[in-house]
Amino acid sequence: MEYGFLSVIPPIVAIILALKTKQVYIALLFGIWFSWLIVEGWNPLAGTLAMIEGMVNVFQSKGNTRTIMFSALVGALLIFIQYSRGVEGFINIINRKLSKIRRKEIGV
């Protein structure tokens, strides 16, 4: 079966939902569910069951599981850096060093 334009709708919906709600994971899950809904002939129950089965099948591959785990760990590290204000501290250190360099250049 050819889906044509329908195959473009789920990613567009997921992107718009992610931009509006700022909840990327929920938007991605909704996009996946919407895709399976189209594939299963707009049957919500069959689409939901197919989505769950498809997500379980993704973890049967070691490579897929490693990639998902790595991505989750990188995301967790970024959240940790954000909450610990590590970037803000780094910027403060750089600004202090730049101020010292500027003071030496103008001779203060």
PDB file of N, CA and C in Angstrom:
ATOM      1  N   MET A   1       0.841  -1.174   0.000  1.00  0.00           N
ATOM      2  CA  MET A   1       0.000   0.000   0.000  1.00  0.00           C
ATOM      3  C   MET A   1       0.889   1.241   0.000  1.00  0.00           C
ATOM      4  N   GLU A   2       0.559   2.210  -0.799  1.00  0.00           N
ATOM      5  CA  GLU A   2       1.294   3.468  -0.831  1.00  0.00           C
ATOM      6  C   GLU A   2       0.564   4.489   0.018  1.00  0.00           C
ATOM      7  N   TYR A   3       1.342   5.201   0.830  1.00  0.00           N
ATOM      8  CA  TYR A   3       0.729   6.160   1.734  1.00  0.00           C
ATOM      9  C   TYR A   3       0.873   7.589   1.235  1.00  0.00           C
ATOM     10  N   GLY A   4       1.814   7.848   0.334  1.00  0.00           N
ATOM     11  CA  GLY A   4       1.965   9.164  -0.268  1.00  0.00           C
ATOM     12  C   GLY A   4       2.132  10.275   0.757  1.00  0.00           C
ATOM     13  N   PHE A   5       1.249  11.254   0.678  1.00  0.00           N
ATOM     14  CA  PHE A   5       1.334  12.421   1.551  1.00  0.00           C
ATOM     15  C   PHE A   5       1.130  12.063   3.016  1.00  0.00           C
ATOM     16  N   LEU A   6       0.399  10.992   3.291  1.00  0.00           N
ATOM     17  CA  LEU A   6       0.159  10.591   4.689  1.00  0.00           C
ATOM     18  C   LEU A   6       1.458  10.262   5.424  1.00  0.00           C
ATOM     19  N   SER A   7       2.491   9.845   4.704  1.00  0.00           N
ATOM     20  CA  SER A   7       3.758   9.498   5.348  1.00  0.00           C
ATOM     21  C   SER A   7       4.498  10.720   5.861  1.00  0.00           C
ATOM     22  N   VAL A   8       4.132  11.902   5.395  1.00  0.00           N
ATOM     23  CA  VAL A   8       4.789  13.137   5.832  1.00  0.00           C
ATOM     24  C   VAL A   8       4.112  13.717   7.072  1.00  0.00           C
ATOM     25  N   ILE A   9       2.865  13.383   7.278  1.00  0.00           N
ATOM     26  CA  ILE A   9       2.098  13.995   8.364  1.00  0.00           C
ATOM     27  C   ILE A   9       2.649  13.664   9.757  1.00  0.00           C
ATOM     28  N   PRO A  10       2.963  12.404  10.117  1.00  0.00           N
ATOM     29  CA  PRO A  10       3.428  12.136  11.482  1.00  0.00           C
ATOM     30  C   PRO A  10       4.688  12.910  11.900  1.00  0.00           C
ATOM     31  N   PRO A  11       5.737  13.013  11.059  1.00  0.00           N
ATOM     32  CA  PRO A  11       6.882  13.812  11.500  1.00  0.00           C
ATOM     33  C   PRO A  11       6.540  15.294  11.667  1.00  0.00           C
ATOM     34  N   ILE A  12       5.703  15.806  10.777  1.00  0.00           N
ATOM     35  CA  ILE A  12       5.316  17.216  10.894  1.00  0.00           C
ATOM     36  C   ILE A  12       4.539  17.444  12.183  1.00  0.00           C
ATOM     37  N   VAL A  13       3.604  16.549  12.485  1.00  0.00           N
ATOM     38  CA  VAL A  13       2.829  16.659  13.722  1.00  0.00           C
ATOM     39  C   VAL A  13       3.752  16.573  14.930  1.00  0.00           C
ATOM     40  N   ALA A  14       4.711  15.656  14.914  1.00  0.00           N
ATOM     41  CA  ALA A  14       5.638  15.500  16.039  1.00  0.00           C
ATOM     42  C   ALA A  14       6.488  16.754  16.222  1.00  0.00           C
ATOM     43  N   ILE A  15       6.963  17.333  15.142  1.00  0.00           N
ATOM     44  CA  ILE A  15       7.789  18.542  15.243  1.00  0.00           C
ATOM     45  C   ILE A  15       6.978  19.706  15.792  1.00  0.00           C
ATOM     46  N   ILE A  16       5.775  19.891  15.268  1.00  0.00           N
ATOM     47  CA  ILE A  16       4.924  20.988  15.746  1.00  0.00           C
ATOM     48  C   ILE A  16       4.576  20.798  17.214  1.00  0.00           C
ATOM     49  N   LEU A  17       4.239  19.566  17.585  1.00  0.00           N
ATOM     50  CA  LEU A  17       3.906  19.278  18.985  1.00  0.00           C
ATOM     51  C   LEU A  17       5.101  19.511  19.900  1.00  0.00           C
ATOM     52  N   ALA A  18       6.294  19.129  19.463  1.00  0.00           N
ATOM     53  CA  ALA A  18       7.499  19.339  20.272  1.00  0.00           C
ATOM     54  C   ALA A  18       7.785  20.826  20.448  1.00  0.00           C
ATOM     55  N   LEU A  19       7.599  21.601  19.396  1.00  0.00           N
ATOM     56  CA  LEU A  19       7.842  23.040  19.487  1.00  0.00           C
ATOM     57  C   LEU A  19       6.809  23.731  20.378  1.00  0.00           C
ATOM     58  N   LYS A  20       5.565  23.300  20.303  1.00  0.00           N
ATOM     59  CA  LYS A  20       4.509  23.932  21.089  1.00  0.00           C
ATOM     60  C   LYS A  20       4.592  23.558  22.570  1.00  0.00           C
ATOM     61  N   THR A  21       4.836  22.273  22.861  1.00  0.00           N
ATOM     62  CA  THR A  21       4.769  21.805  24.254  1.00  0.00           C
ATOM     63  C   THR A  21       6.125  21.757  24.943  1.00  0.00           C
ATOM     64  N   LYS A  22       7.218  21.783  24.183  1.00  0.00           N
ATOM     65  CA  LYS A  22       8.580  21.630  24.717  1.00  0.00           C
ATOM     66  C   LYS A  22       8.788  20.254  25.374  1.00  0.00           C
ATOM     67  N   GLN A  23       7.954  19.299  25.033  1.00  0.00           N
ATOM     68  CA  GLN A  23       8.059  17.928  25.533  1.00  0.00           C
ATOM     69  C   GLN A  23       8.414  17.017  24.350  1.00  0.00           C
ATOM     70  N   VAL A  24       9.713  16.856  24.119  1.00  0.00           N
ATOM     71  CA  VAL A  24      10.178  16.164  22.924  1.00  0.00           C
ATOM     72  C   VAL A  24       9.798  14.686  22.934  1.00  0.00           C
ATOM     73  N   TYR A  25       9.979  14.022  24.069  1.00  0.00           N
ATOM     74  CA  TYR A  25       9.701  12.581  24.123  1.00  0.00           C
ATOM     75  C   TYR A  25       8.222  12.284  23.911  1.00  0.00           C
ATOM     76  N   ILE A  26       7.376  13.092  24.500  1.00  0.00           N
ATOM     77  CA  ILE A  26       5.945  12.892  24.308  1.00  0.00           C
ATOM     78  C   ILE A  26       5.573  13.143  22.850  1.00  0.00           C
ATOM     79  N   ALA A  27       6.156  14.168  22.254  1.00  0.00           N
ATOM     80  CA  ALA A  27       5.881  14.458  20.848  1.00  0.00           C
ATOM     81  C   ALA A  27       6.352  13.313  19.945  1.00  0.00           C
ATOM     82  N   LEU A  28       7.526  12.759  20.240  1.00  0.00           N
ATOM     83  CA  LEU A  28       8.017  11.630  19.442  1.00  0.00           C
ATOM     84  C   LEU A  28       7.118  10.409  19.590  1.00  0.00           C
ATOM     85  N   LEU A  29       6.699  10.127  20.811  1.00  0.00           N
ATOM     86  CA  LEU A  29       5.793   8.993  21.021  1.00  0.00           C
ATOM     87  C   LEU A  29       4.476   9.203  20.290  1.00  0.00           C
ATOM     88  N   PHE A  30       3.972  10.428  20.329  1.00  0.00           N
ATOM     89  CA  PHE A  30       2.736  10.720  19.609  1.00  0.00           C
ATOM     90  C   PHE A  30       2.934  10.550  18.101  1.00  0.00           C
ATOM     91  N   GLY A  31       4.086  10.990  17.585  1.00  0.00           N
ATOM     92  CA  GLY A  31       4.369  10.818  16.169  1.00  0.00           C
ATOM     93  C   GLY A  31       4.453   9.354  15.769  1.00  0.00           C
ATOM     94  N   ILE A  32       5.078   8.553  16.627  1.00  0.00           N
ATOM     95  CA  ILE A  32       5.157   7.104  16.361  1.00  0.00           C
ATOM     96  C   ILE A  32       3.765   6.489  16.390  1.00  0.00           C
ATOM     97  N   TRP A  33       2.975   6.864  17.405  1.00  0.00           N
ATOM     98  CA  TRP A  33       1.617   6.330  17.510  1.00  0.00           C
ATOM     99  C   TRP A  33       0.786   6.740  16.300  1.00  0.00           C
ATOM    100  N   PHE A  34       0.915   7.995  15.884  1.00  0.00           N
ATOM    101  CA  PHE A  34       0.155   8.487  14.736  1.00  0.00           C
ATOM    102  C   PHE A  34       0.543   7.726  13.471  1.00  0.00           C
ATOM    103  N   SER A  35       1.825   7.405  13.329  1.00  0.00           N
ATOM    104  CA  SER A  35       2.281   6.620  12.169  1.00  0.00           C
ATOM    105  C   SER A  35       1.630   5.249  12.145  1.00  0.00           C
ATOM    106  N   TRP A  36       1.647   4.584  13.303  1.00  0.00           N
ATOM    107  CA  TRP A  36       1.038   3.259  13.361  1.00  0.00           C
ATOM    108  C   TRP A  36      -0.475   3.337  13.184  1.00  0.00           C
ATOM    109  N   LEU A  37      -1.066   4.426  13.612  1.00  0.00           N
ATOM    110  CA  LEU A  37      -2.502   4.618  13.405  1.00  0.00           C
ATOM    111  C   LEU A  37      -2.822   4.651  11.909  1.00  0.00           C
ATOM    112  N   ILE A  38      -1.994   5.334  11.136  1.00  0.00           N
ATOM    113  CA  ILE A  38      -2.185   5.389   9.682  1.00  0.00           C
ATOM    114  C   ILE A  38      -1.980   4.005   9.070  1.00  0.00           C
ATOM    115  N   VAL A  39      -0.908   3.324   9.496  1.00  0.00           N
ATOM    116  CA  VAL A  39      -0.600   2.000   8.933  1.00  0.00           C
ATOM    117  C   VAL A  39      -1.718   1.001   9.229  1.00  0.00           C
ATOM    118  N   GLU A  40      -2.309   1.107  10.413  1.00  0.00           N
ATOM    119  CA  GLU A  40      -3.350   0.155  10.812  1.00  0.00           C
ATOM    120  C   GLU A  40      -4.759   0.582  10.385  1.00  0.00           C
ATOM    121  N   GLY A  41      -4.856   1.487   9.434  1.00  0.00           N
ATOM    122  CA  GLY A  41      -6.157   1.860   8.882  1.00  0.00           C
ATOM    123  C   GLY A  41      -6.991   2.714   9.807  1.00  0.00           C
ATOM    124  N   TRP A  42      -6.374   3.573  10.574  1.00  0.00           N
ATOM    125  CA  TRP A  42      -7.031   4.524  11.484  1.00  0.00           C
ATOM    126  C   TRP A  42      -7.760   3.838  12.632  1.00  0.00           C
ATOM    127  N   ASN A  43      -7.382   2.602  12.945  1.00  0.00           N
ATOM    128  CA  ASN A  43      -7.965   1.898  14.096  1.00  0.00           C
ATOM    129  C   ASN A  43      -7.114   2.215  15.327  1.00  0.00           C
ATOM    130  N   PRO A  44      -7.642   2.965  16.311  1.00  0.00           N
ATOM    131  CA  PRO A  44      -6.834   3.389  17.465  1.00  0.00           C
ATOM    132  C   PRO A  44      -6.291   2.227  18.297  1.00  0.00           C
ATOM    133  N   LEU A  45      -7.091   1.201  18.507  1.00  0.00           N
ATOM    134  CA  LEU A  45      -6.641   0.066  19.314  1.00  0.00           C
ATOM    135  C   LEU A  45      -5.545  -0.703  18.584  1.00  0.00           C
ATOM    136  N   ALA A  46      -5.761  -1.000  17.312  1.00  0.00           N
ATOM    137  CA  ALA A  46      -4.753  -1.726  16.532  1.00  0.00           C
ATOM    138  C   ALA A  46      -3.485  -0.891  16.386  1.00  0.00           C
ATOM    139  N   GLY A  47      -3.632   0.429  16.210  1.00  0.00           N
ATOM    140  CA  GLY A  47      -2.470   1.308  16.105  1.00  0.00           C
ATOM    141  C   GLY A  47      -1.658   1.343  17.393  1.00  0.00           C
ATOM    142  N   THR A  48      -2.351   1.379  18.530  1.00  0.00           N
ATOM    143  CA  THR A  48      -1.662   1.388  19.824  1.00  0.00           C
ATOM    144  C   THR A  48      -0.927   0.077  20.058  1.00  0.00           C
ATOM    145  N   LEU A  49      -1.589  -1.023  19.784  1.00  0.00           N
ATOM    146  CA  LEU A  49      -0.945  -2.332  19.969  1.00  0.00           C
ATOM    147  C   LEU A  49       0.246  -2.506  19.026  1.00  0.00           C
ATOM    148  N   ALA A  50       0.105  -2.055  17.790  1.00  0.00           N
ATOM    149  CA  ALA A  50       1.206  -2.154  16.832  1.00  0.00           C
ATOM    150  C   ALA A  50       2.376  -1.268  17.257  1.00  0.00           C
ATOM    151  N   MET A  51       2.087  -0.097  17.824  1.00  0.00           N
ATOM    152  CA  MET A  51       3.151   0.786  18.300  1.00  0.00           C
ATOM    153  C   MET A  51       3.930   0.127  19.435  1.00  0.00           C
ATOM    154  N   ILE A  52       3.203  -0.450  20.378  1.00  0.00           N
ATOM    155  CA  ILE A  52       3.866  -1.110  21.505  1.00  0.00           C
ATOM    156  C   ILE A  52       4.714  -2.277  21.013  1.00  0.00           C
ATOM    157  N   GLU A  53       4.160  -3.074  20.124  1.00  0.00           N
ATOM    158  CA  GLU A  53       4.905  -4.213  19.566  1.00  0.00           C
ATOM    159  C   GLU A  53       6.139  -3.740  18.814  1.00  0.00           C
ATOM    160  N   GLY A  54       5.998  -2.674  18.040  1.00  0.00           N
ATOM    161  CA  GLY A  54       7.135  -2.126  17.299  1.00  0.00           C
ATOM    162  C   GLY A  54       8.227  -1.607  18.219  1.00  0.00           C
ATOM    163  N   MET A  55       7.831  -0.943  19.310  1.00  0.00           N
ATOM    164  CA  MET A  55       8.827  -0.423  20.254  1.00  0.00           C
ATOM    165  C   MET A  55       9.545  -1.561  20.979  1.00  0.00           C
ATOM    166  N   VAL A  56       8.831  -2.625  21.288  1.00  0.00           N
ATOM    167  CA  VAL A  56       9.470  -3.784  21.910  1.00  0.00           C
ATOM    168  C   VAL A  56      10.442  -4.427  20.938  1.00  0.00           C
ATOM    169  N   ASN A  57      10.070  -4.507  19.667  1.00  0.00           N
ATOM    170  CA  ASN A  57      10.939  -5.116  18.661  1.00  0.00           C
ATOM    171  C   ASN A  57      12.224  -4.330  18.447  1.00  0.00           C
ATOM    172  N   VAL A  58      12.193  -3.023  18.667  1.00  0.00           N
ATOM    173  CA  VAL A  58      13.399  -2.207  18.512  1.00  0.00           C
ATOM    174  C   VAL A  58      14.470  -2.673  19.486  1.00  0.00           C
ATOM    175  N   PHE A  59      14.070  -3.057  20.703  1.00  0.00           N
ATOM    176  CA  PHE A  59      15.033  -3.449  21.724  1.00  0.00           C
ATOM    177  C   PHE A  59      15.553  -4.877  21.546  1.00  0.00           C
ATOM    178  N   GLN A  60      15.082  -5.597  20.558  1.00  0.00           N
ATOM    179  CA  GLN A  60      15.602  -6.933  20.296  1.00  0.00           C
ATOM    180  C   GLN A  60      16.957  -6.884  19.618  1.00  0.00           C
ATOM    181  N   SER A  61      17.281  -5.774  19.006  1.00  0.00           N
ATOM    182  CA  SER A  61      18.582  -5.608  18.371  1.00  0.00           C
ATOM    183  C   SER A  61      19.556  -4.984  19.366  1.00  0.00           C
ATOM    184  N   LYS A  62      20.721  -5.610  19.536  1.00  0.00           N
ATOM    185  CA  LYS A  62      21.711  -5.086  20.477  1.00  0.00           C
ATOM    186  C   LYS A  62      22.196  -3.706  20.064  1.00  0.00           C
ATOM    187  N   GLY A  63      22.378  -3.508  18.768  1.00  0.00           N
ATOM    188  CA  GLY A  63      22.848  -2.211  18.276  1.00  0.00           C
ATOM    189  C   GLY A  63      21.854  -1.094  18.562  1.00  0.00           C
ATOM    190  N   ASN A  64      20.573  -1.374  18.331  1.00  0.00           N
ATOM    191  CA  ASN A  64      19.544  -0.368  18.629  1.00  0.00           C
ATOM    192  C   ASN A  64      19.503  -0.048  20.114  1.00  0.00           C
ATOM    193  N   THR A  65      19.590  -1.080  20.931  1.00  0.00           N
ATOM    194  CA  THR A  65      19.542  -0.882  22.384  1.00  0.00           C
ATOM    195  C   THR A  65      20.739  -0.065  22.847  1.00  0.00           C
ATOM    196  N   ARG A  66      21.916  -0.360  22.335  1.00  0.00           N
ATOM    197  CA  ARG A  66      23.109   0.417  22.705  1.00  0.00           C
ATOM    198  C   ARG A  66      22.964   1.879  22.289  1.00  0.00           C
ATOM    199  N   THR A  67      22.457   2.112  21.098  1.00  0.00           N
ATOM    200  CA  THR A  67      22.287   3.485  20.612  1.00  0.00           C
ATOM    201  C   THR A  67      21.296   4.250  21.485  1.00  0.00           C
ATOM    202  N   ILE A  68      20.191   3.624  21.833  1.00  0.00           N
ATOM    203  CA  ILE A  68      19.190   4.282  22.678  1.00  0.00           C
ATOM    204  C   ILE A  68      19.757   4.540  24.068  1.00  0.00           C
ATOM    205  N   MET A  69      20.479   3.580  24.622  1.00  0.00           N
ATOM    206  CA  MET A  69      21.073   3.777  25.953  1.00  0.00           C
ATOM    207  C   MET A  69      22.121   4.892  25.920  1.00  0.00           C
ATOM    208  N   PHE A  70      22.949   4.929  24.890  1.00  0.00           N
ATOM    209  CA  PHE A  70      23.957   5.985  24.774  1.00  0.00           C
ATOM    210  C   PHE A  70      23.284   7.351  24.675  1.00  0.00           C
ATOM    211  N   SER A  71      22.244   7.446  23.852  1.00  0.00           N
ATOM    212  CA  SER A  71      21.529   8.715  23.702  1.00  0.00           C
ATOM    213  C   SER A  71      20.897   9.148  25.014  1.00  0.00           C
ATOM    214  N   ALA A  72      20.336   8.201  25.757  1.00  0.00           N
ATOM    215  CA  ALA A  72      19.730   8.526  27.050  1.00  0.00           C
ATOM    216  C   ALA A  72      20.792   8.994  28.041  1.00  0.00           C
ATOM    217  N   LEU A  73      21.961   8.362  28.028  1.00  0.00           N
ATOM    218  CA  LEU A  73      23.030   8.779  28.942  1.00  0.00           C
ATOM    219  C   LEU A  73      23.565  10.163  28.597  1.00  0.00           C
ATOM    220  N   VAL A  74      23.709  10.460  27.320  1.00  0.00           N
ATOM    221  CA  VAL A  74      24.149  11.799  26.911  1.00  0.00           C
ATOM    222  C   VAL A  74      23.107  12.837  27.331  1.00  0.00           C
ATOM    223  N   GLY A  75      21.835  12.520  27.140  1.00  0.00           N
ATOM    224  CA  GLY A  75      20.766  13.418  27.572  1.00  0.00           C
ATOM    225  C   GLY A  75      20.783  13.641  29.070  1.00  0.00           C
ATOM    226  N   ALA A  76      21.011  12.569  29.838  1.00  0.00           N
ATOM    227  CA  ALA A  76      21.081  12.701  31.293  1.00  0.00           C
ATOM    228  C   ALA A  76      22.275  13.565  31.705  1.00  0.00           C
ATOM    229  N   LEU A  77      23.395  13.402  31.023  1.00  0.00           N
ATOM    230  CA  LEU A  77      24.569  14.226  31.318  1.00  0.00           C
ATOM    231  C   LEU A  77      24.290  15.695  31.037  1.00  0.00           C
ATOM    232  N   LEU A  78      23.635  15.983  29.930  1.00  0.00           N
ATOM    233  CA  LEU A  78      23.295  17.365  29.601  1.00  0.00           C
ATOM    234  C   LEU A  78      22.340  17.969  30.626  1.00  0.00           C
ATOM    235  N   ILE A  79      21.382  17.196  31.081  1.00  0.00           N
ATOM    236  CA  ILE A  79      20.456  17.685  32.108  1.00  0.00           C
ATOM    237  C   ILE A  79      21.198  17.925  33.413  1.00  0.00           C
ATOM    238  N   PHE A  80      22.124  17.028  33.766  1.00  0.00           N
ATOM    239  CA  PHE A  80      22.920  17.209  34.974  1.00  0.00           C
ATOM    240  C   PHE A  80      23.740  18.493  34.902  1.00  0.00           C
ATOM    241  N   ILE A  81      24.376  18.731  33.767  1.00  0.00           N
ATOM    242  CA  ILE A  81      25.168  19.956  33.593  1.00  0.00           C
ATOM    243  C   ILE A  81      24.268  21.189  33.679  1.00  0.00           C
ATOM    244  N   GLN A  82      23.080  21.099  33.101  1.00  0.00           N
ATOM    245  CA  GLN A  82      22.155  22.228  33.135  1.00  0.00           C
ATOM    246  C   GLN A  82      21.714  22.528  34.564  1.00  0.00           C
ATOM    247  N   TYR A  83      21.325  21.520  35.334  1.00  0.00           N
ATOM    248  CA  TYR A  83      20.841  21.743  36.699  1.00  0.00           C
ATOM    249  C   TYR A  83      21.955  22.113  37.662  1.00  0.00           C
ATOM    250  N   SER A  84      23.169  21.662  37.389  1.00  0.00           N
ATOM    251  CA  SER A  84      24.285  22.009  38.276  1.00  0.00           C
ATOM    252  C   SER A  84      24.882  23.370  37.919  1.00  0.00           C
ATOM    253  N   ARG A  85      24.348  23.986  36.876  1.00  0.00           N
ATOM    254  CA  ARG A  85      24.771  25.298  36.407  1.00  0.00           C
ATOM    255  C   ARG A  85      26.235  25.299  35.989  1.00  0.00           C
ATOM    256  N   GLY A  86      26.674  24.171  35.431  1.00  0.00           N
ATOM    257  CA  GLY A  86      28.053  24.033  34.989  1.00  0.00           C
ATOM    258  C   GLY A  86      28.411  24.973  33.857  1.00  0.00           C
ATOM    259  N   VAL A  87      27.514  25.162  32.919  1.00  0.00           N
ATOM    260  CA  VAL A  87      27.779  26.046  31.795  1.00  0.00           C
ATOM    261  C   VAL A  87      27.890  27.490  32.286  1.00  0.00           C
ATOM    262  N   GLU A  88      27.002  27.859  33.207  1.00  0.00           N
ATOM    263  CA  GLU A  88      27.048  29.218  33.760  1.00  0.00           C
ATOM    264  C   GLU A  88      28.380  29.467  34.482  1.00  0.00           C
ATOM    265  N   GLY A  89      28.848  28.481  35.247  1.00  0.00           N
ATOM    266  CA  GLY A  89      30.141  28.616  35.917  1.00  0.00           C
ATOM    267  C   GLY A  89      31.287  28.731  34.929  1.00  0.00           C
ATOM    268  N   PHE A  90      31.237  27.947  33.874  1.00  0.00           N
ATOM    269  CA  PHE A  90      32.277  28.006  32.843  1.00  0.00           C
ATOM    270  C   PHE A  90      32.301  29.386  32.188  1.00  0.00           C
ATOM    271  N   ILE A  91      31.128  29.912  31.885  1.00  0.00           N
ATOM    272  CA  ILE A  91      31.051  31.244  31.271  1.00  0.00           C
ATOM    273  C   ILE A  91      31.602  32.301  32.217  1.00  0.00           C
ATOM    274  N   ASN A  92      31.301  32.182  33.513  1.00  0.00           N
ATOM    275  CA  ASN A  92      31.834  33.143  34.489  1.00  0.00           C
ATOM    276  C   ASN A  92      33.359  33.105  34.540  1.00  0.00           C
ATOM    277  N   ILE A  93      33.943  31.913  34.500  1.00  0.00           N
ATOM    278  CA  ILE A  93      35.404  31.784  34.509  1.00  0.00           C
ATOM    279  C   ILE A  93      36.008  32.427  33.261  1.00  0.00           C
ATOM    280  N   ILE A  94      35.420  32.152  32.099  1.00  0.00           N
ATOM    281  CA  ILE A  94      35.916  32.741  30.849  1.00  0.00           C
ATOM    282  C   ILE A  94      35.806  34.267  30.891  1.00  0.00           C
ATOM    283  N   ASN A  95      34.692  34.776  31.401  1.00  0.00           N
ATOM    284  CA  ASN A  95      34.519  36.232  31.485  1.00  0.00           C
ATOM    285  C   ASN A  95      35.565  36.868  32.398  1.00  0.00           C
ATOM    286  N   ARG A  96      35.877  36.225  33.518  1.00  0.00           N
ATOM    287  CA  ARG A  96      36.914  36.761  34.413  1.00  0.00           C
ATOM    288  C   ARG A  96      38.267  36.798  33.716  1.00  0.00           C
ATOM    289  N   LYS A  97      38.595  35.721  33.015  1.00  0.00           N
ATOM    290  CA  LYS A  97      39.878  35.679  32.303  1.00  0.00           C
ATOM    291  C   LYS A  97      39.931  36.737  31.204  1.00  0.00           C
ATOM    292  N   LEU A  98      38.851  36.926  30.481  1.00  0.00           N
ATOM    293  CA  LEU A  98      38.804  37.950  29.447  1.00  0.00           C
ATOM    294  C   LEU A  98      38.928  39.351  30.044  1.00  0.00           C
ATOM    295  N   SER A  99      38.332  39.559  31.210  1.00  0.00           N
ATOM    296  CA  SER A  99      38.445  40.863  31.873  1.00  0.00           C
ATOM    297  C   SER A  99      39.885  41.148  32.255  1.00  0.00           C
ATOM    298  N   LYS A 100      40.596  40.137  32.763  1.00  0.00           N
ATOM    299  CA  LYS A 100      41.999  40.310  33.122  1.00  0.00           C
ATOM    300  C   LYS A 100      42.836  40.648  31.896  1.00  0.00           C
ATOM    301  N   ILE A 101      42.573  39.962  30.800  1.00  0.00           N
ATOM    302  CA  ILE A 101      43.309  40.218  29.563  1.00  0.00           C
ATOM    303  C   ILE A 101      43.044  41.636  29.071  1.00  0.00           C
ATOM    304  N   ARG A 102      41.801  42.086  29.130  1.00  0.00           N
ATOM    305  CA  ARG A 102      41.457  43.447  28.687  1.00  0.00           C
ATOM    306  C   ARG A 102      42.134  44.494  29.559  1.00  0.00           C
ATOM    307  N   ARG A 103      42.154  44.243  30.890  1.00  0.00           N
ATOM    308  CA  ARG A 103      42.804  45.202  31.797  1.00  0.00           C
ATOM    309  C   ARG A 103      44.294  45.298  31.500  1.00  0.00           C
ATOM    310  N   LYS A 104      44.923  44.174  31.173  1.00  0.00           N
ATOM    311  CA  LYS A 104      46.362  44.208  30.845  1.00  0.00           C
ATOM    312  C   LYS A 104      46.580  44.963  29.544  1.00  0.00           C
ATOM    313  N   GLU A 105      45.674  44.814  28.571  1.00  0.00           N
ATOM    314  CA  GLU A 105      45.839  45.489  27.291  1.00  0.00           C
ATOM    315  C   GLU A 105      45.725  47.007  27.405  1.00  0.00           C
ATOM    316  N   ILE A 106      44.831  47.467  28.260  1.00  0.00           N
ATOM    317  CA  ILE A 106      44.663  48.925  28.385  1.00  0.00           C
ATOM    318  C   ILE A 106      45.567  49.503  29.468  1.00  0.00           C
ATOM    319  N   GLY A 107      46.268  48.627  30.191  1.00  0.00           N
ATOM    320  CA  GLY A 107      47.261  49.072  31.183  1.00  0.00           C
ATOM    321  C   GLY A 107      46.682  49.524  32.502  1.00  0.00           C
ATOM    322  N   VAL A 108      45.613  48.923  32.942  1.00  0.00           N
ATOM    323  CA  VAL A 108      45.016  49.304  34.234  1.00  0.00           C
ATOM    324  C   VAL A 108      45.571  48.440  35.328  1.00  0.00           C
TER     325      VAL A 108
END
